[in-house]
Amino acid sequence: MPLRSLAANSPVRRSHWLALGLTEEDLLKPKIAVVNSSSELAVCYAHLDGVAKVVKDAIREAGGVPFEVRTTAPSDFITGAARRGSYILAGRDLIPNDIEAQVEAALLDGMICLTSCDKTPPGHLMAAMRLNIPTLLVVGGYQPSGEIDGDPVDIEDLFSGGVEESFGRFGKHRVDEIVPQAIRGPGVCQGMATANTMHCVVEALGMCVAGSAPVRANSDKMFAKAREAAARIVQMVHEDLKPRDIMTPGAFRNAAAMVLGVSGSINAIKHLQAVAVEGGMDLDVYGLWNEVGREVPVLSAVRPNGAVRIEQFEDAGGARAVLKQLETLLDLDVVVASGRTMRDDIADAEVNDEEIIRPLNRAISPGPAIAILKGSLAPESAVVKLGIRDGSRPETFRGPARVFDDNQAALQALSAGEVKKGDVLVVRGQGLKAGPAMGGGASYILFAINAAGLAKDVAFVTDGQLSGLCLKGLTVAEVAPEGCSGGPIGKVRDGDMIAIDVATYSIELEVGAAELEGRSAAEDLVEAGGWLGMYRRDVQEMATGAVLIDRG
């Protein structure tokens, strides 16, 4: 195919690139962007410069010309420090805009994205759909963790332990002991939290070379897959194989099946919806979710779902093995990054341990692991994560609302024992516009409920989002519309009865329509200027996956 970069080879452009050391021969080759989110702020990205070098060398060997560009690098535990964590989700939407302003502006022919912490995989996929040039993601891998007296400890232990100690509850190992052991090198959080969930999603969508996820950061396997991707992207440019050829409705169905099969992070739903919107697709991922969820059981119980560690999951065959076990439920005719169909791509996939990644006829738990609820409290959608459905958490609940407009007030009430068994704890003002960007720390409230010993005895309802590490009790998150957008959650009062029923996919506010209409909504918006102010102004509703541009 004609290279689009050649059409822009003006004398001035040629002069710039020759001054960078390129040759006249190089100017005729495919120009590949190597999108690098390297950052010294967070361990999630600390190793990506080394990955970028390997990728650039391999692109040159394959007959392409690499151009490394940098983008925003949101990391929940680092860039979540200010404004109640509002920069976390808001950072996702800087990524595709940042990429567009460099890669599209320069009319490059293809790109490889070095993908790592939670928001980079969806940000890269959104950019891929928007630009629609040949694209592959290279999975940066997960961090090693340590041990204390032979007990493995990781970031989940640190996250939950910190909240529990604030409630006077101390586990086997103190938080101060865990801090130096939880993270022992670069990469994303261990466990099937949002990052590893999204890495598995990338594989299920067909947007990486087969067998890429999950992977130990800086391992021989990770670098081998990086080199393989670098060689493949040059071929994809010549073949003109583009993201919208790969990320079809069938691919999204496969991605949903992957997340459900591993009981992954609920954040994957809005990220997938955003990717679909960026591609101009008329696809309701929220509707698709319950359809697929009725078919897909849980096949693997990686932490926080169970005791399986992410290393065991990788060694058992990882995402590719899950796809093999789900084979009869997948759309096998979709095209993947290899240029082959999913059917051909997983034909030789192996499951190395069927106790870690179970077959369909020996599932760990019936599905759905995650469900979308609707009702008078959530007319558009709300998300509940059930995980392993073994009876350890309620799936129906009815009780009086205990309402808070501030997460700190909710935490104080839990600490003081003011939230009682049978209550439905409602924490609002955590949504896309009120948060803004779903900042607010709803995850801490969930751990606090557990620390207070109430995980089985109260329900938690919020218009905020949850960390992928969270799986406690009956929690309904991302209630939409949020209160400040006119959603009923903004009009809930203490004592209102709320009923949740997973079996009927419903969440109801038992208040008459006339009475509710007469109530004013809470509008306690956090001050937000600069980028957060622009985000609040432009972010679309949850049904779009929280994109910034109205795609019509």
Protein backbone atom coordinates (compact mmCIF):
# COMPACT_ATOMS: atom_id res chain seq x y z
CA MET A 1 0.00 0.00 0.00
CA PRO A 2 1.18 3.59 -0.47
CA LEU A 3 2.59 4.97 2.76
CA ARG A 4 0.70 8.02 3.94
CA SER A 5 3.93 9.42 5.41
CA LEU A 6 5.37 9.68 1.90
CA ALA A 7 2.65 12.09 0.87
CA ALA A 8 3.94 14.50 3.50
CA ASN A 9 7.62 14.26 2.60
CA SER A 10 8.06 17.95 1.87
CA PRO A 11 11.58 19.35 1.55
CA VAL A 12 11.40 20.86 5.03
CA ARG A 13 10.19 17.59 6.57
CA ARG A 14 12.94 15.66 4.77
CA SER A 15 15.51 18.14 6.01
CA HIS A 16 14.34 17.71 9.61
CA TRP A 17 14.55 13.94 9.43
CA LEU A 18 17.88 13.84 7.63
CA ALA A 19 19.24 16.07 10.40
CA LEU A 20 18.07 13.42 12.91
CA GLY A 21 20.30 10.87 11.20
CA LEU A 22 17.82 9.25 8.82
CA THR A 23 18.90 8.45 5.26
CA GLU A 24 17.09 9.05 1.99
CA GLU A 25 16.36 5.31 1.98
CA ASP A 26 14.80 5.56 5.43
CA LEU A 27 12.40 8.23 4.20
CA LEU A 28 10.78 5.62 1.94
CA LYS A 29 10.15 3.14 4.76
CA PRO A 30 7.10 2.78 7.06
CA LYS A 31 7.25 5.37 9.84
CA ILE A 32 6.17 3.82 13.16
CA ALA A 33 5.35 5.76 16.31
CA VAL A 34 6.60 4.11 19.49
CA VAL A 35 4.24 5.55 22.08
CA ASN A 36 6.04 5.51 25.41
CA SER A 37 4.50 6.48 28.75
CA SER A 38 7.75 6.18 30.66
CA SER A 39 7.74 8.11 33.92
CA GLU A 40 9.96 8.37 36.97
CA LEU A 41 6.90 9.17 39.08
CA ALA A 42 5.55 5.64 39.20
CA VAL A 43 7.03 2.15 39.22
CA CYS A 44 4.32 1.07 36.73
CA TYR A 45 6.18 2.92 33.97
CA ALA A 46 9.76 2.97 35.24
CA HIS A 47 10.99 0.24 32.88
CA LEU A 48 9.41 1.39 29.63
CA ASP A 49 12.48 3.22 28.30
CA GLY A 50 14.21 -0.15 28.15
CA VAL A 51 11.23 -1.67 26.34
CA ALA A 52 11.16 1.24 23.90
CA LYS A 53 14.80 0.65 22.94
CA VAL A 54 14.14 -3.02 22.18
CA VAL A 55 11.06 -2.15 20.14
CA LYS A 56 12.83 0.56 18.14
CA ASP A 57 15.76 -1.73 17.31
CA ALA A 58 13.38 -4.48 16.17
CA ILE A 59 11.37 -2.07 14.00
CA ARG A 60 14.57 -1.03 12.24
CA GLU A 61 15.50 -4.69 11.70
CA ALA A 62 12.06 -5.29 10.19
CA GLY A 63 12.46 -2.48 7.69
CA GLY A 64 10.65 0.35 9.45
CA VAL A 65 11.67 3.65 10.98
CA PRO A 66 10.69 4.19 14.63
CA PHE A 67 9.87 7.53 16.20
CA GLU A 68 9.53 7.51 19.96
CA VAL A 69 6.93 9.91 21.42
CA ARG A 70 5.86 10.43 25.05
CA THR A 71 2.40 10.62 26.58
CA THR A 72 0.66 11.14 29.91
CA ALA A 73 1.27 8.35 32.46
CA PRO A 74 -1.57 8.17 35.03
CA SER A 75 -0.88 5.88 38.00
CA ASP A 76 -3.70 5.44 40.52
CA PHE A 77 -1.54 5.35 43.62
CA ILE A 78 0.68 8.28 42.54
CA THR A 79 -1.34 10.66 40.40
CA GLY A 80 -4.37 9.96 42.59
CA ALA A 81 -2.94 12.09 45.39
CA ALA A 82 -4.54 15.43 44.48
CA ARG A 83 -8.18 16.49 44.23
CA ARG A 84 -9.51 13.25 45.75
CA GLY A 85 -8.08 11.17 42.90
CA SER A 86 -9.80 13.11 40.14
CA TYR A 87 -6.77 13.01 37.85
CA ILE A 88 -6.90 9.21 37.56
CA LEU A 89 -9.76 8.74 35.10
CA ALA A 90 -9.29 12.23 33.67
CA GLY A 91 -5.76 11.19 32.72
CA ARG A 92 -7.11 8.41 30.51
CA ASP A 93 -8.60 10.93 28.11
CA LEU A 94 -5.44 12.97 27.84
CA ILE A 95 -3.74 9.93 26.30
CA PRO A 96 -5.65 9.63 22.98
CA ASN A 97 -5.57 13.40 22.54
CA ASP A 98 -1.84 13.46 23.23
CA ILE A 99 -1.27 10.66 20.71
CA GLU A 100 -3.44 12.33 18.08
CA ALA A 101 -1.53 15.59 18.46
CA GLN A 102 1.74 13.81 17.67
CA VAL A 103 1.10 10.69 15.59
CA GLU A 104 -1.80 11.90 13.46
CA ALA A 105 -0.33 15.37 13.15
CA ALA A 106 2.86 13.88 11.69
CA LEU A 107 0.96 11.47 9.40
CA LEU A 108 2.90 8.44 10.62
CA ASP A 109 2.03 5.06 9.13
CA GLY A 110 1.52 2.94 12.23
CA MET A 111 2.12 2.81 15.95
CA ILE A 112 3.15 0.56 18.79
CA CYS A 113 1.91 1.58 22.23
CA LEU A 114 3.82 0.49 25.34
CA THR A 115 0.88 -0.16 27.62
CA SER A 116 1.07 -0.45 31.38
CA CYS A 117 -0.98 0.94 34.27
CA ASP A 118 -4.79 1.00 34.35
CA LYS A 119 -5.55 3.96 32.09
CA THR A 120 -2.93 3.42 29.39
CA PRO A 121 -4.50 0.32 27.77
CA PRO A 122 -7.88 2.02 27.22
CA GLY A 123 -6.19 5.29 26.28
CA HIS A 124 -4.09 3.48 23.68
CA LEU A 125 -7.08 1.53 22.34
CA MET A 126 -9.12 4.74 22.11
CA ALA A 127 -6.31 6.38 20.13
CA ALA A 128 -6.05 3.33 17.88
CA MET A 129 -9.74 3.50 17.05
CA ARG A 130 -9.68 7.28 16.53
CA LEU A 131 -6.62 7.34 14.25
CA ASN A 132 -7.35 3.95 12.64
CA ILE A 133 -3.80 3.34 11.50
CA PRO A 134 -2.12 -0.06 11.99
CA THR A 135 -1.55 -0.39 15.72
CA LEU A 136 -0.29 -2.94 18.24
CA LEU A 137 -0.04 -2.75 22.01
CA VAL A 138 2.99 -4.13 23.85
CA VAL A 139 2.06 -5.26 27.36
CA GLY A 140 4.56 -3.90 29.90
CA GLY A 141 3.88 -6.56 32.50
CA TYR A 142 3.26 -6.83 36.23
CA GLN A 143 5.54 -6.07 39.14
CA PRO A 144 7.21 -8.67 41.36
CA SER A 145 6.15 -8.72 45.00
CA GLY A 146 7.81 -10.05 48.12
CA GLU A 147 7.22 -12.20 51.18
CA ILE A 148 7.15 -11.87 54.94
CA ASP A 149 7.97 -15.05 56.86
CA GLY A 150 7.10 -17.08 53.78
CA ASP A 151 3.75 -15.34 53.22
CA PRO A 152 3.40 -13.59 49.86
CA VAL A 153 2.37 -9.93 50.18
CA ASP A 154 1.47 -7.44 47.46
CA ILE A 155 -0.23 -4.12 46.85
CA GLU A 156 -3.68 -5.48 47.74
CA ASP A 157 -2.45 -6.37 51.24
CA LEU A 158 -1.04 -2.88 51.59
CA PHE A 159 -4.17 -1.13 50.30
CA SER A 160 -6.62 -3.05 52.49
CA GLY A 161 -4.25 -3.23 55.46
CA GLY A 162 -3.85 0.53 55.62
CA VAL A 163 -7.61 1.05 55.92
CA GLU A 164 -8.03 -1.78 58.42
CA GLU A 165 -5.29 -0.47 60.70
CA SER A 166 -7.01 2.92 60.74
CA PHE A 167 -9.98 1.06 62.23
CA GLY A 168 -7.77 -0.59 64.84
CA ARG A 169 -7.80 -3.98 63.13
CA PHE A 170 -4.38 -5.52 62.61
CA GLY A 171 -3.63 -8.47 60.38
CA LYS A 172 -0.87 -11.03 60.61
CA HIS A 173 1.63 -8.53 59.20
CA ARG A 174 1.68 -4.81 59.97
CA VAL A 175 1.48 -2.27 57.16
CA ASP A 176 4.94 -0.92 57.95
CA GLU A 177 6.31 -4.42 57.38
CA ILE A 178 4.44 -4.80 54.09
CA VAL A 179 5.50 -1.45 52.59
CA PRO A 180 9.05 -2.51 51.54
CA GLN A 181 7.87 -5.94 50.34
CA ALA A 182 4.65 -5.24 48.44
CA ILE A 183 6.44 -3.94 45.32
CA ARG A 184 9.85 -5.34 44.43
CA GLY A 185 10.32 -4.00 40.92
CA PRO A 186 8.70 -2.26 37.95
CA GLY A 187 5.35 -3.11 36.42
CA VAL A 188 1.66 -2.88 37.25
CA CYS A 189 -0.12 -4.10 40.37
CA GLN A 190 -0.31 -7.81 40.90
CA GLY A 191 -3.68 -9.55 40.90
CA MET A 192 -6.62 -9.34 38.51
CA ALA A 193 -7.08 -5.63 39.16
CA THR A 194 -7.72 -3.12 36.37
CA ALA A 195 -4.28 -3.22 34.74
CA ASN A 196 -4.01 -6.99 34.33
CA THR A 197 -7.71 -7.13 33.41
CA MET A 198 -7.12 -4.60 30.63
CA HIS A 199 -3.99 -6.42 29.49
CA CYS A 200 -6.13 -9.55 29.10
CA VAL A 201 -8.74 -7.44 27.27
CA VAL A 202 -6.08 -6.32 24.79
CA GLU A 203 -5.36 -9.99 24.05
CA ALA A 204 -9.06 -10.85 23.71
CA LEU A 205 -9.61 -7.93 21.31
CA GLY A 206 -6.72 -9.16 19.17
CA MET A 207 -4.68 -5.97 19.57
CA CYS A 208 -1.39 -7.57 20.66
CA VAL A 209 0.66 -10.51 19.47
CA ALA A 210 -0.71 -13.78 20.80
CA GLY A 211 0.36 -14.80 24.30
CA SER A 212 1.29 -11.32 25.50
CA ALA A 213 -0.80 -11.11 28.68
CA PRO A 214 -0.28 -11.21 31.51
CA VAL A 215 3.50 -11.21 31.70
CA ARG A 216 6.24 -10.62 34.26
CA ALA A 217 7.69 -7.16 33.69
CA ASN A 218 11.23 -7.17 32.28
CA SER A 219 11.13 -10.94 31.73
CA ASP A 220 12.63 -12.65 28.69
CA LYS A 221 9.08 -13.41 27.55
CA MET A 222 8.04 -9.75 27.77
CA PHE A 223 10.99 -8.63 25.64
CA ALA A 224 10.42 -11.47 23.16
CA LYS A 225 6.81 -10.38 22.69
CA ALA A 226 7.95 -6.76 22.29
CA ARG A 227 10.34 -7.77 19.49
CA GLU A 228 7.63 -9.90 17.86
CA ALA A 229 5.21 -6.98 17.95
CA ALA A 230 7.80 -4.64 16.45
CA ALA A 231 8.35 -6.95 13.50
CA ARG A 232 4.62 -7.50 13.07
CA ILE A 233 3.66 -3.81 13.02
CA VAL A 234 5.79 -3.20 9.93
CA GLN A 235 3.98 -6.07 8.19
CA MET A 236 0.61 -4.68 9.32
CA VAL A 237 1.41 -1.35 7.68
CA HIS A 238 2.12 -3.11 4.37
CA GLU A 239 -1.06 -5.19 4.78
CA ASP A 240 -3.09 -2.12 5.81
CA LEU A 241 -4.57 -4.06 8.75
CA LYS A 242 -6.21 -1.41 10.91
CA PRO A 243 -7.78 -1.30 14.38
CA ARG A 244 -11.33 -1.02 13.04
CA ASP A 245 -10.72 -4.22 11.06
CA ILE A 246 -9.82 -5.97 14.32
CA MET A 247 -11.99 -4.33 16.98
CA THR A 248 -15.36 -5.38 15.58
CA PRO A 249 -18.52 -6.14 17.59
CA GLY A 250 -17.45 -9.77 17.79
CA ALA A 251 -14.11 -8.75 19.27
CA PHE A 252 -15.89 -6.73 21.96
CA ARG A 253 -18.02 -9.76 22.75
CA ASN A 254 -14.83 -11.79 23.18
CA ALA A 255 -13.37 -9.09 25.44
CA ALA A 256 -16.49 -9.13 27.63
CA ALA A 257 -16.25 -12.92 27.88
CA MET A 258 -12.62 -12.60 28.94
CA VAL A 259 -13.39 -10.14 31.75
CA LEU A 260 -16.31 -12.24 32.98
CA GLY A 261 -14.29 -15.46 32.78
CA VAL A 262 -11.59 -14.10 35.07
CA SER A 263 -13.94 -11.92 37.19
CA GLY A 264 -11.90 -8.90 36.22
CA SER A 265 -12.22 -5.23 37.09
CA ILE A 266 -15.55 -3.47 36.56
CA ASN A 267 -13.59 -0.56 35.09
CA ALA A 268 -13.15 -2.59 31.90
CA ILE A 269 -16.80 -1.97 30.99
CA LYS A 270 -16.60 1.81 30.68
CA HIS A 271 -13.18 1.56 29.03
CA LEU A 272 -14.51 -0.81 26.36
CA GLN A 273 -17.52 1.43 25.80
CA ALA A 274 -15.20 4.43 25.32
CA VAL A 275 -13.11 2.47 22.80
CA ALA A 276 -16.24 1.56 20.85
CA VAL A 277 -17.43 5.18 20.80
CA GLU A 278 -14.01 6.34 19.54
CA GLY A 279 -14.38 3.90 16.67
CA GLY A 280 -17.78 5.30 15.71
CA MET A 281 -19.44 2.00 16.60
CA ASP A 282 -23.13 1.75 17.47
CA LEU A 283 -22.41 -0.73 20.24
CA ASP A 284 -23.96 -0.82 23.71
CA VAL A 285 -21.29 -2.53 25.79
CA TYR A 286 -23.48 -2.28 28.90
CA GLY A 287 -26.27 -4.17 27.16
CA LEU A 288 -23.79 -6.66 25.73
CA TRP A 289 -22.43 -7.29 29.22
CA ASN A 290 -25.53 -8.94 30.67
CA GLU A 291 -26.09 -10.91 27.47
CA VAL A 292 -22.59 -12.41 27.61
CA GLY A 293 -22.71 -12.67 31.40
CA ARG A 294 -25.59 -15.15 31.25
CA GLU A 295 -23.33 -17.55 29.34
CA VAL A 296 -19.87 -17.12 30.87
CA PRO A 297 -18.90 -18.65 34.24
CA VAL A 298 -15.79 -17.82 36.27
CA LEU A 299 -12.88 -19.99 35.17
CA SER A 300 -10.04 -18.56 37.24
CA ALA A 301 -9.84 -17.08 40.74
CA VAL A 302 -6.85 -14.76 40.72
CA ARG A 303 -6.60 -12.37 43.67
CA PRO A 304 -8.74 -10.54 44.77
CA ASN A 305 -11.25 -13.21 43.66
CA GLY A 306 -9.39 -16.10 45.24
CA ALA A 307 -5.97 -17.28 46.35
CA VAL A 308 -4.41 -17.71 42.87
CA ARG A 309 -1.51 -15.37 42.21
CA ILE A 310 -0.97 -13.68 38.88
CA GLU A 311 2.28 -15.61 38.31
CA GLN A 312 0.35 -18.88 38.59
CA PHE A 313 -2.23 -17.57 36.13
CA GLU A 314 0.47 -16.61 33.63
CA ASP A 315 2.22 -19.97 34.00
CA ALA A 316 -1.10 -21.77 33.46
CA GLY A 317 -1.35 -20.14 30.04
CA GLY A 318 -2.73 -16.69 30.85
CA ALA A 319 -5.28 -14.89 28.71
CA ARG A 320 -4.68 -17.15 25.72
CA ALA A 321 -5.55 -20.21 27.81
CA VAL A 322 -8.75 -18.51 28.98
CA LEU A 323 -9.69 -17.87 25.35
CA LYS A 324 -9.08 -21.55 24.63
CA GLN A 325 -11.36 -22.63 27.49
CA LEU A 326 -14.02 -20.15 26.32
CA GLU A 327 -13.65 -21.23 22.68
CA THR A 328 -17.23 -22.47 22.20
CA LEU A 329 -18.62 -19.14 23.46
CA LEU A 330 -16.43 -16.83 21.37
CA ASP A 331 -16.79 -15.21 17.98
CA LEU A 332 -14.00 -17.15 16.32
CA ASP A 333 -14.29 -15.47 12.94
CA VAL A 334 -12.92 -12.12 14.06
CA VAL A 335 -9.56 -11.05 12.68
CA VAL A 336 -6.72 -10.53 15.16
CA ALA A 337 -3.34 -8.84 14.99
CA SER A 338 -1.71 -11.79 13.22
CA GLY A 339 -4.06 -11.29 10.29
CA ARG A 340 -5.61 -14.67 11.03
CA THR A 341 -8.96 -15.42 12.64
CA MET A 342 -9.28 -15.95 16.38
CA ARG A 343 -10.11 -19.57 15.55
CA ASP A 344 -6.75 -20.07 13.87
CA ASP A 345 -4.86 -18.00 16.41
CA ILE A 346 -5.92 -20.08 19.43
CA ALA A 347 -5.93 -23.44 17.65
CA ASP A 348 -2.62 -24.41 19.27
CA ALA A 349 -3.20 -22.62 22.59
CA GLU A 350 -2.45 -24.74 25.64
CA VAL A 351 -3.85 -24.76 29.16
CA ASN A 352 -0.98 -25.77 31.39
CA ASP A 353 -2.99 -26.13 34.60
CA GLU A 354 -6.73 -26.77 34.50
CA GLU A 355 -7.05 -26.12 38.21
CA ILE A 356 -5.86 -22.56 37.73
CA ILE A 357 -7.79 -21.97 34.47
CA ARG A 358 -10.77 -24.31 34.50
CA PRO A 359 -12.74 -25.73 31.56
CA LEU A 360 -16.35 -24.66 31.13
CA ASN A 361 -17.70 -27.93 32.51
CA ARG A 362 -15.73 -27.49 35.74
CA ALA A 363 -16.10 -23.76 36.32
CA ILE A 364 -15.17 -22.26 39.68
CA SER A 365 -18.43 -20.33 39.90
CA PRO A 366 -21.52 -19.71 37.80
CA GLY A 367 -21.79 -16.37 36.09
CA PRO A 368 -22.16 -13.52 35.86
CA ALA A 369 -19.17 -12.32 37.86
CA ILE A 370 -20.20 -8.74 36.99
CA ALA A 371 -23.70 -7.55 36.17
CA ILE A 372 -25.36 -4.34 35.01
CA LEU A 373 -28.34 -3.29 37.12
CA LYS A 374 -31.08 -0.82 36.23
CA GLY A 375 -34.09 0.55 38.04
CA SER A 376 -35.59 3.63 39.60
CA LEU A 377 -32.32 4.41 41.40
CA ALA A 378 -30.20 3.81 38.29
CA PRO A 379 -32.32 4.47 35.18
CA GLU A 380 -29.31 4.14 32.86
CA SER A 381 -26.96 1.68 34.53
CA ALA A 382 -25.09 0.58 37.63
CA VAL A 383 -22.43 -2.08 38.04
CA VAL A 384 -22.24 -4.83 40.65
CA LYS A 385 -19.29 -7.20 40.98
CA LEU A 386 -20.17 -10.60 42.38
CA GLY A 387 -16.90 -12.44 41.81
CA ILE A 388 -17.01 -16.01 43.04
CA ARG A 389 -20.67 -16.67 43.75
CA ASP A 390 -20.27 -19.02 46.69
CA GLY A 391 -22.84 -17.49 49.04
CA SER A 392 -20.25 -15.41 50.90
CA ARG A 393 -21.92 -12.13 49.90
CA PRO A 394 -25.62 -11.29 49.59
CA GLU A 395 -27.19 -10.91 46.17
CA THR A 396 -30.46 -9.40 47.41
CA PHE A 397 -30.75 -6.59 49.91
CA ARG A 398 -33.41 -4.18 51.12
CA GLY A 399 -32.80 -1.53 53.71
CA PRO A 400 -32.93 2.14 54.67
CA ALA A 401 -30.52 4.55 53.05
CA ARG A 402 -27.73 6.17 55.04
CA VAL A 403 -26.64 9.00 52.77
CA PHE A 404 -23.34 10.90 52.53
CA ASP A 405 -22.21 13.55 50.06
CA ASP A 406 -18.57 13.26 51.10
CA ASN A 407 -16.42 10.17 51.40
CA GLN A 408 -14.61 11.45 54.48
CA ALA A 409 -17.93 11.84 56.31
CA ALA A 410 -18.83 8.29 55.35
CA LEU A 411 -15.49 6.99 56.64
CA GLN A 412 -15.97 8.85 59.93
CA ALA A 413 -19.49 7.43 60.33
CA LEU A 414 -18.19 3.91 59.76
CA SER A 415 -15.40 4.44 62.27
CA ALA A 416 -17.86 5.80 64.86
CA GLY A 417 -20.23 2.87 64.43
CA GLU A 418 -23.00 5.07 63.05
CA VAL A 419 -23.65 2.80 60.05
CA LYS A 420 -25.74 -0.14 61.25
CA LYS A 421 -26.46 -3.64 60.04
CA GLY A 422 -29.23 -3.57 57.46
CA ASP A 423 -28.33 -0.08 56.17
CA VAL A 424 -27.75 0.77 52.53
CA LEU A 425 -24.76 3.11 52.62
CA VAL A 426 -25.15 5.66 49.81
CA VAL A 427 -22.13 7.82 48.94
CA ARG A 428 -22.69 10.22 46.07
CA GLY A 429 -20.93 13.20 44.54
CA GLN A 430 -18.30 10.79 43.23
CA GLY A 431 -19.34 10.74 39.57
CA LEU A 432 -17.96 11.93 36.27
CA LYS A 433 -18.91 15.57 36.73
CA ALA A 434 -19.26 15.88 40.51
CA GLY A 435 -16.04 14.02 41.34
CA PRO A 436 -14.94 15.16 38.87
CA ALA A 437 -13.76 12.15 36.84
CA MET A 438 -15.02 9.76 39.52
CA GLY A 439 -12.48 10.95 42.04
CA GLY A 440 -13.50 10.62 45.65
CA GLY A 441 -12.08 7.44 47.06
CA ALA A 442 -15.10 5.12 46.99
CA SER A 443 -12.66 2.21 47.17
CA TYR A 444 -11.51 3.28 50.62
CA ILE A 445 -15.10 3.21 51.83
CA LEU A 446 -15.48 -0.36 50.64
CA PHE A 447 -12.38 -1.45 52.56
CA ALA A 448 -13.65 0.51 55.56
CA ILE A 449 -16.96 -1.37 55.47
CA ASN A 450 -15.00 -4.58 55.60
CA ALA A 451 -12.76 -3.28 58.39
CA ALA A 452 -15.87 -2.34 60.38
CA GLY A 453 -17.09 -5.93 60.11
CA LEU A 454 -20.14 -4.99 58.04
CA ALA A 455 -19.32 -6.49 54.63
CA LYS A 456 -22.11 -9.08 54.86
CA ASP A 457 -24.58 -6.85 56.67
CA VAL A 458 -24.79 -3.60 54.68
CA ALA A 459 -25.01 -2.76 50.99
CA PHE A 460 -22.92 0.01 49.47
CA VAL A 461 -24.22 2.16 46.61
CA THR A 462 -22.20 4.91 44.93
CA ASP A 463 -21.96 6.90 41.72
CA GLY A 464 -18.17 6.57 42.03
CA GLN A 465 -15.82 3.97 40.62
CA LEU A 466 -13.92 1.24 42.43
CA SER A 467 -10.36 0.00 42.26
CA GLY A 468 -10.00 -3.33 40.54
CA LEU A 469 -8.57 -4.60 43.82
CA CYS A 470 -11.96 -4.17 45.52
CA LEU A 471 -14.23 -7.16 46.08
CA LYS A 472 -16.08 -7.00 49.38
CA GLY A 473 -19.76 -7.44 50.19
CA LEU A 474 -22.63 -6.26 47.99
CA THR A 475 -21.45 -3.09 46.25
CA VAL A 476 -23.21 -1.25 43.44
CA ALA A 477 -20.98 1.35 41.77
CA GLU A 478 -21.04 3.80 38.86
CA VAL A 479 -24.74 4.54 39.35
CA ALA A 480 -25.92 6.54 36.32
CA PRO A 481 -27.05 9.17 35.87
CA GLU A 482 -25.09 10.66 38.74
CA GLY A 483 -26.80 13.08 41.10
CA CYS A 484 -25.54 16.32 39.59
CA SER A 485 -26.73 15.18 36.16
CA GLY A 486 -30.27 14.74 37.43
CA GLY A 487 -29.98 11.13 38.55
CA PRO A 488 -32.26 9.89 41.37
CA ILE A 489 -29.23 9.12 43.54
CA GLY A 490 -28.93 12.89 44.05
CA LYS A 491 -32.38 12.96 45.67
CA VAL A 492 -32.06 10.02 48.06
CA ARG A 493 -32.66 10.92 51.71
CA ASP A 494 -31.77 9.11 54.92
CA GLY A 495 -34.34 6.42 55.61
CA ASP A 496 -35.51 5.91 52.01
CA MET A 497 -35.83 2.21 51.29
CA ILE A 498 -33.57 0.79 48.59
CA ALA A 499 -33.96 -2.72 47.17
CA ILE A 500 -31.25 -4.55 45.22
CA ASP A 501 -31.88 -7.85 43.42
CA VAL A 502 -29.10 -9.28 41.28
CA ALA A 503 -31.32 -12.06 39.94
CA THR A 504 -33.61 -9.50 38.30
CA TYR A 505 -30.78 -7.06 37.49
CA SER A 506 -32.62 -4.37 39.45
CA ILE A 507 -31.93 -1.58 41.93
CA GLU A 508 -34.99 0.31 43.11
CA LEU A 509 -35.54 3.45 45.18
CA GLU A 510 -38.87 2.93 46.93
CA VAL A 511 -40.00 6.54 46.79
CA GLY A 512 -43.00 7.71 44.81
CA ALA A 513 -42.34 9.55 41.57
CA ALA A 514 -44.28 12.62 42.69
CA GLU A 515 -42.37 12.90 45.95
CA LEU A 516 -39.04 12.38 44.22
CA GLU A 517 -39.89 15.02 41.64
CA GLY A 518 -40.43 17.56 44.40
CA ARG A 519 -37.03 17.02 46.00
CA SER A 520 -33.98 19.09 45.19
CA ALA A 521 -30.77 17.29 44.21
CA ALA A 522 -27.53 17.51 46.14
CA GLU A 523 -24.91 19.51 44.21
CA ASP A 524 -21.77 19.59 46.32
CA LEU A 525 -19.24 19.86 43.50
CA VAL A 526 -15.53 19.76 44.22
CA GLU A 527 -13.69 22.83 42.99
CA ALA A 528 -12.08 22.02 39.67
CA GLY A 529 -10.15 24.40 37.45
CA GLY A 530 -7.57 23.78 34.72
CA TRP A 531 -7.73 20.36 33.11
CA LEU A 532 -10.28 19.05 35.62
CA GLY A 533 -12.54 22.00 34.88
CA MET A 534 -12.37 21.24 31.17
CA TYR A 535 -13.04 17.58 31.89
CA ARG A 536 -16.13 18.42 33.97
CA ARG A 537 -17.42 20.70 31.22
CA ASP A 538 -16.96 18.23 28.35
CA VAL A 539 -17.27 14.68 29.75
CA GLN A 540 -20.23 12.75 28.37
CA GLU A 541 -22.45 10.39 30.35
CA MET A 542 -21.46 6.89 31.42
CA ALA A 543 -23.31 5.37 28.46
CA THR A 544 -20.44 6.66 26.29
CA GLY A 545 -17.79 5.22 28.58
CA ALA A 546 -17.08 8.81 29.71
CA VAL A 547 -15.59 10.13 26.50
CA LEU A 548 -15.00 13.85 26.16
CA ILE A 549 -16.39 14.45 22.69
CA ASP A 550 -20.03 14.02 21.75
CA ARG A 551 -19.80 11.56 18.86
CA GLY A 552 -23.48 11.94 18.06
